N, C-alpha and C. Protein backbone atom coordinates (compact mmCIF):
# COMPACT_ATOMS: atom_id res chain seq x y z
N MET A 1 54.60 359.99 130.96
CA MET A 1 54.20 358.60 130.80
C MET A 1 53.48 358.45 129.47
N THR A 2 53.81 357.44 128.73
CA THR A 2 53.09 357.12 127.50
C THR A 2 52.27 355.86 127.75
N ILE A 3 51.01 355.95 127.46
CA ILE A 3 50.09 354.85 127.72
C ILE A 3 50.25 353.73 126.69
N HIS A 4 50.41 354.09 125.43
CA HIS A 4 50.51 353.05 124.39
C HIS A 4 51.94 352.51 124.30
N VAL A 5 52.09 351.39 123.61
CA VAL A 5 53.41 350.79 123.40
C VAL A 5 53.78 350.89 121.92
N GLN A 6 55.07 350.85 121.65
CA GLN A 6 55.54 350.84 120.26
C GLN A 6 55.33 349.43 119.71
N THR A 7 54.60 349.33 118.63
CA THR A 7 54.30 348.02 118.06
C THR A 7 55.12 347.81 116.78
N PRO A 8 55.43 346.56 116.47
CA PRO A 8 56.29 346.29 115.32
C PRO A 8 55.56 346.34 113.98
N LEU A 9 56.35 346.48 112.94
CA LEU A 9 55.89 346.33 111.57
C LEU A 9 56.42 345.00 111.05
N ILE A 10 55.57 344.28 110.33
CA ILE A 10 56.06 343.07 109.67
C ILE A 10 55.62 343.11 108.21
N GLU A 11 56.45 342.54 107.36
CA GLU A 11 56.09 342.49 105.95
C GLU A 11 55.08 341.37 105.73
N SER A 12 54.08 341.66 104.95
CA SER A 12 53.04 340.68 104.66
C SER A 12 53.34 340.00 103.33
N ASP A 13 53.64 338.72 103.40
CA ASP A 13 53.82 337.95 102.16
C ASP A 13 52.49 337.85 101.40
N ALA A 14 51.41 337.71 102.12
CA ALA A 14 50.10 337.52 101.48
C ALA A 14 49.67 338.74 100.66
N PHE A 15 49.98 339.94 101.12
CA PHE A 15 49.52 341.15 100.43
C PHE A 15 50.60 341.79 99.56
N SER A 16 51.84 341.39 99.73
CA SER A 16 52.92 341.95 98.93
C SER A 16 52.95 341.31 97.55
N ALA A 17 53.57 342.03 96.62
CA ALA A 17 53.75 341.53 95.25
C ALA A 17 55.17 341.90 94.83
N PRO A 18 55.68 341.30 93.78
CA PRO A 18 57.02 341.67 93.33
C PRO A 18 57.11 343.18 93.08
N GLY A 19 58.07 343.81 93.74
CA GLY A 19 58.25 345.25 93.60
C GLY A 19 57.27 346.09 94.41
N GLN A 20 56.43 345.45 95.18
CA GLN A 20 55.40 346.16 95.94
C GLN A 20 55.25 345.50 97.30
N ARG A 21 55.99 346.02 98.28
CA ARG A 21 55.94 345.43 99.61
C ARG A 21 54.84 346.07 100.45
N VAL A 22 54.13 345.26 101.18
CA VAL A 22 53.08 345.73 102.08
C VAL A 22 53.50 345.37 103.51
N TRP A 23 53.39 346.35 104.39
CA TRP A 23 53.77 346.17 105.78
C TRP A 23 52.53 346.26 106.67
N LEU A 24 52.50 345.45 107.71
CA LEU A 24 51.39 345.46 108.66
C LEU A 24 51.89 345.99 110.00
N LYS A 25 51.16 346.92 110.58
CA LYS A 25 51.46 347.47 111.91
C LYS A 25 50.64 346.66 112.90
N LEU A 26 51.30 346.00 113.83
CA LEU A 26 50.62 345.05 114.72
C LEU A 26 50.01 345.73 115.95
N GLU A 27 48.98 346.53 115.71
CA GLU A 27 48.35 347.29 116.79
C GLU A 27 47.55 346.42 117.74
N THR A 28 47.29 345.18 117.38
CA THR A 28 46.61 344.28 118.31
C THR A 28 47.49 343.96 119.52
N LEU A 29 48.77 344.33 119.44
CA LEU A 29 49.68 344.11 120.57
C LEU A 29 49.59 345.22 121.62
N GLN A 30 48.77 346.24 121.36
CA GLN A 30 48.55 347.26 122.38
C GLN A 30 47.90 346.59 123.59
N PRO A 31 48.17 347.06 124.80
CA PRO A 31 47.59 346.43 125.99
C PRO A 31 46.06 346.33 125.96
N SER A 32 45.41 347.30 125.32
CA SER A 32 43.95 347.24 125.25
C SER A 32 43.46 346.48 124.02
N GLY A 33 44.38 346.08 123.14
CA GLY A 33 44.02 345.24 122.00
C GLY A 33 43.75 345.94 120.69
N SER A 34 43.84 347.27 120.65
CA SER A 34 43.58 347.96 119.39
C SER A 34 44.35 349.27 119.31
N PHE A 35 44.38 349.83 118.09
CA PHE A 35 45.06 351.10 117.86
C PHE A 35 44.41 352.26 118.62
N LYS A 36 43.19 352.09 119.06
CA LYS A 36 42.47 353.17 119.75
C LYS A 36 43.25 353.72 120.94
N LEU A 37 44.08 352.89 121.55
CA LEU A 37 44.82 353.31 122.73
C LEU A 37 45.79 354.45 122.41
N ARG A 38 46.28 354.55 121.18
CA ARG A 38 47.21 355.62 120.83
C ARG A 38 46.57 357.00 121.04
N GLY A 39 45.44 357.24 120.41
CA GLY A 39 44.79 358.53 120.53
C GLY A 39 44.08 358.73 121.85
N VAL A 40 43.36 357.71 122.28
CA VAL A 40 42.63 357.80 123.54
C VAL A 40 43.58 357.95 124.72
N GLY A 41 44.68 357.19 124.71
CA GLY A 41 45.66 357.29 125.78
C GLY A 41 46.24 358.68 125.87
N HIS A 42 46.56 359.26 124.71
CA HIS A 42 47.10 360.62 124.69
C HIS A 42 46.09 361.62 125.25
N ALA A 43 44.83 361.49 124.83
CA ALA A 43 43.79 362.39 125.32
C ALA A 43 43.62 362.26 126.84
N CYS A 44 43.62 361.03 127.33
CA CYS A 44 43.48 360.81 128.77
C CYS A 44 44.66 361.39 129.54
N GLU A 45 45.87 361.20 129.01
CA GLU A 45 47.06 361.77 129.66
C GLU A 45 46.98 363.29 129.69
N THR A 46 46.54 363.89 128.59
CA THR A 46 46.42 365.35 128.51
C THR A 46 45.42 365.86 129.54
N HIS A 47 44.27 365.23 129.62
CA HIS A 47 43.25 365.66 130.58
C HIS A 47 43.69 365.43 132.02
N ALA A 48 44.39 364.34 132.26
CA ALA A 48 44.91 364.09 133.61
C ALA A 48 45.92 365.17 134.00
N ALA A 49 46.76 365.56 133.06
CA ALA A 49 47.76 366.61 133.33
C ALA A 49 47.09 367.95 133.60
N ARG A 50 45.90 368.15 133.06
CA ARG A 50 45.15 369.40 133.26
C ARG A 50 44.28 369.33 134.50
N GLY A 51 44.37 368.23 135.25
CA GLY A 51 43.65 368.14 136.51
C GLY A 51 42.39 367.32 136.53
N ALA A 52 42.12 366.57 135.46
CA ALA A 52 40.92 365.73 135.46
C ALA A 52 40.97 364.77 136.65
N SER A 53 39.83 364.58 137.29
CA SER A 53 39.79 363.69 138.45
C SER A 53 39.11 362.36 138.12
N ARG A 54 38.54 362.24 136.91
CA ARG A 54 37.93 361.00 136.46
C ARG A 54 37.77 361.05 134.95
N LEU A 55 37.54 359.91 134.35
CA LEU A 55 37.38 359.82 132.90
C LEU A 55 36.02 359.20 132.58
N LEU A 56 35.45 359.62 131.45
CA LEU A 56 34.14 359.15 131.01
C LEU A 56 34.22 358.75 129.55
N SER A 57 33.63 357.61 129.22
CA SER A 57 33.58 357.16 127.83
C SER A 57 32.16 356.72 127.51
N SER A 58 31.77 356.92 126.25
CA SER A 58 30.44 356.47 125.82
C SER A 58 30.55 355.32 124.83
N SER A 59 31.58 354.52 124.98
CA SER A 59 31.78 353.39 124.07
C SER A 59 32.01 352.11 124.85
N GLY A 60 31.29 351.07 124.48
CA GLY A 60 31.52 349.78 125.08
C GLY A 60 32.47 348.93 124.26
N GLY A 61 33.04 349.53 123.21
CA GLY A 61 33.94 348.81 122.33
C GLY A 61 35.40 349.13 122.63
N ASN A 62 36.21 349.16 121.58
CA ASN A 62 37.65 349.37 121.73
C ASN A 62 38.01 350.72 122.34
N ALA A 63 37.25 351.76 122.02
CA ALA A 63 37.54 353.07 122.60
C ALA A 63 37.28 353.07 124.10
N GLY A 64 36.18 352.48 124.51
CA GLY A 64 35.88 352.39 125.94
C GLY A 64 36.92 351.58 126.68
N LEU A 65 37.37 350.50 126.07
CA LEU A 65 38.40 349.68 126.69
C LEU A 65 39.72 350.45 126.80
N ALA A 66 40.02 351.27 125.81
CA ALA A 66 41.22 352.10 125.86
C ALA A 66 41.14 353.13 126.98
N VAL A 67 39.97 353.75 127.17
CA VAL A 67 39.79 354.70 128.27
C VAL A 67 39.93 353.98 129.61
N ALA A 68 39.33 352.81 129.72
CA ALA A 68 39.40 352.05 130.97
C ALA A 68 40.85 351.70 131.30
N TYR A 69 41.61 351.25 130.30
CA TYR A 69 43.01 350.90 130.51
C TYR A 69 43.82 352.14 130.90
N ALA A 70 43.61 353.24 130.16
CA ALA A 70 44.35 354.48 130.44
C ALA A 70 44.02 354.98 131.84
N GLY A 71 42.77 354.94 132.22
CA GLY A 71 42.38 355.38 133.55
C GLY A 71 43.06 354.57 134.64
N ARG A 72 43.11 353.27 134.44
CA ARG A 72 43.79 352.41 135.42
C ARG A 72 45.27 352.77 135.52
N ARG A 73 45.91 352.97 134.37
CA ARG A 73 47.33 353.33 134.37
C ARG A 73 47.58 354.70 135.00
N LEU A 74 46.62 355.62 134.83
CA LEU A 74 46.77 356.97 135.37
C LEU A 74 46.24 357.10 136.79
N GLY A 75 45.62 356.05 137.31
CA GLY A 75 45.08 356.10 138.66
C GLY A 75 43.81 356.93 138.78
N LEU A 76 43.05 357.01 137.68
CA LEU A 76 41.81 357.78 137.68
C LEU A 76 40.61 356.84 137.54
N PRO A 77 39.53 357.13 138.26
CA PRO A 77 38.32 356.33 138.08
C PRO A 77 37.72 356.56 136.70
N VAL A 78 37.10 355.52 136.15
CA VAL A 78 36.53 355.59 134.80
C VAL A 78 35.09 355.10 134.84
N LEU A 79 34.23 355.85 134.17
CA LEU A 79 32.84 355.44 133.95
C LEU A 79 32.68 355.24 132.45
N VAL A 80 32.22 354.06 132.05
CA VAL A 80 31.96 353.78 130.64
C VAL A 80 30.47 353.53 130.48
N VAL A 81 29.83 354.36 129.69
CA VAL A 81 28.40 354.23 129.41
C VAL A 81 28.27 353.43 128.12
N VAL A 82 27.56 352.32 128.19
CA VAL A 82 27.43 351.44 127.03
C VAL A 82 25.98 351.35 126.60
N PRO A 83 25.74 351.03 125.33
CA PRO A 83 24.36 350.82 124.87
C PRO A 83 23.74 349.63 125.60
N GLU A 84 22.42 349.63 125.71
CA GLU A 84 21.71 348.52 126.35
C GLU A 84 21.97 347.20 125.63
N SER A 85 22.28 347.28 124.35
CA SER A 85 22.49 346.07 123.55
C SER A 85 23.91 345.47 123.70
N THR A 86 24.75 346.10 124.48
CA THR A 86 26.12 345.61 124.64
C THR A 86 26.11 344.24 125.32
N LEU A 87 26.84 343.31 124.74
CA LEU A 87 26.93 341.96 125.30
C LEU A 87 27.68 341.96 126.62
N GLU A 88 27.54 340.90 127.37
CA GLU A 88 28.16 340.82 128.69
C GLU A 88 29.69 340.76 128.62
N TRP A 89 30.25 340.10 127.60
CA TRP A 89 31.71 339.96 127.52
C TRP A 89 32.43 341.31 127.45
N PRO A 90 32.03 342.24 126.58
CA PRO A 90 32.70 343.55 126.58
C PRO A 90 32.57 344.27 127.93
N LYS A 91 31.43 344.14 128.58
CA LYS A 91 31.26 344.77 129.89
C LYS A 91 32.20 344.13 130.91
N THR A 92 32.39 342.82 130.82
CA THR A 92 33.32 342.13 131.71
C THR A 92 34.74 342.64 131.50
N LEU A 93 35.14 342.81 130.24
CA LEU A 93 36.48 343.31 129.94
C LEU A 93 36.68 344.71 130.52
N LEU A 94 35.67 345.56 130.41
CA LEU A 94 35.75 346.92 130.96
C LEU A 94 35.90 346.87 132.48
N ARG A 95 35.12 346.03 133.12
CA ARG A 95 35.19 345.92 134.58
C ARG A 95 36.55 345.36 135.03
N ARG A 96 37.13 344.47 134.25
CA ARG A 96 38.45 343.92 134.59
C ARG A 96 39.51 345.01 134.61
N GLN A 97 39.30 346.07 133.83
CA GLN A 97 40.23 347.21 133.83
C GLN A 97 39.91 348.18 134.95
N GLY A 98 38.87 347.89 135.72
CA GLY A 98 38.53 348.73 136.86
C GLY A 98 37.49 349.77 136.57
N ALA A 99 36.90 349.76 135.38
CA ALA A 99 35.91 350.76 135.02
C ALA A 99 34.55 350.43 135.63
N GLN A 100 33.81 351.48 135.94
CA GLN A 100 32.41 351.33 136.31
C GLN A 100 31.62 351.32 135.00
N VAL A 101 30.75 350.35 134.83
CA VAL A 101 29.98 350.23 133.58
C VAL A 101 28.52 350.51 133.87
């Protein structure tokens, strides 16, 4: 199982110049919203295959959200430890993925 999705490349008119094309990789289309899911998803899959029974993250940002999403997809419980200063919205997003915050 691969946790991340293949995202498209599009040419950027704004950043391209004659003879110099710039391409954008649309990683915001990942289910968790960022490129972090590529590496984090792979790590979670590897640990699950080695017998991990739960996942732990120390990020309330994109990495934590990637772990929460991967854990849900893999059927593993997830605990995400966030700084005291973390706003309520990121914690809500983590809980929506089934993570304990």
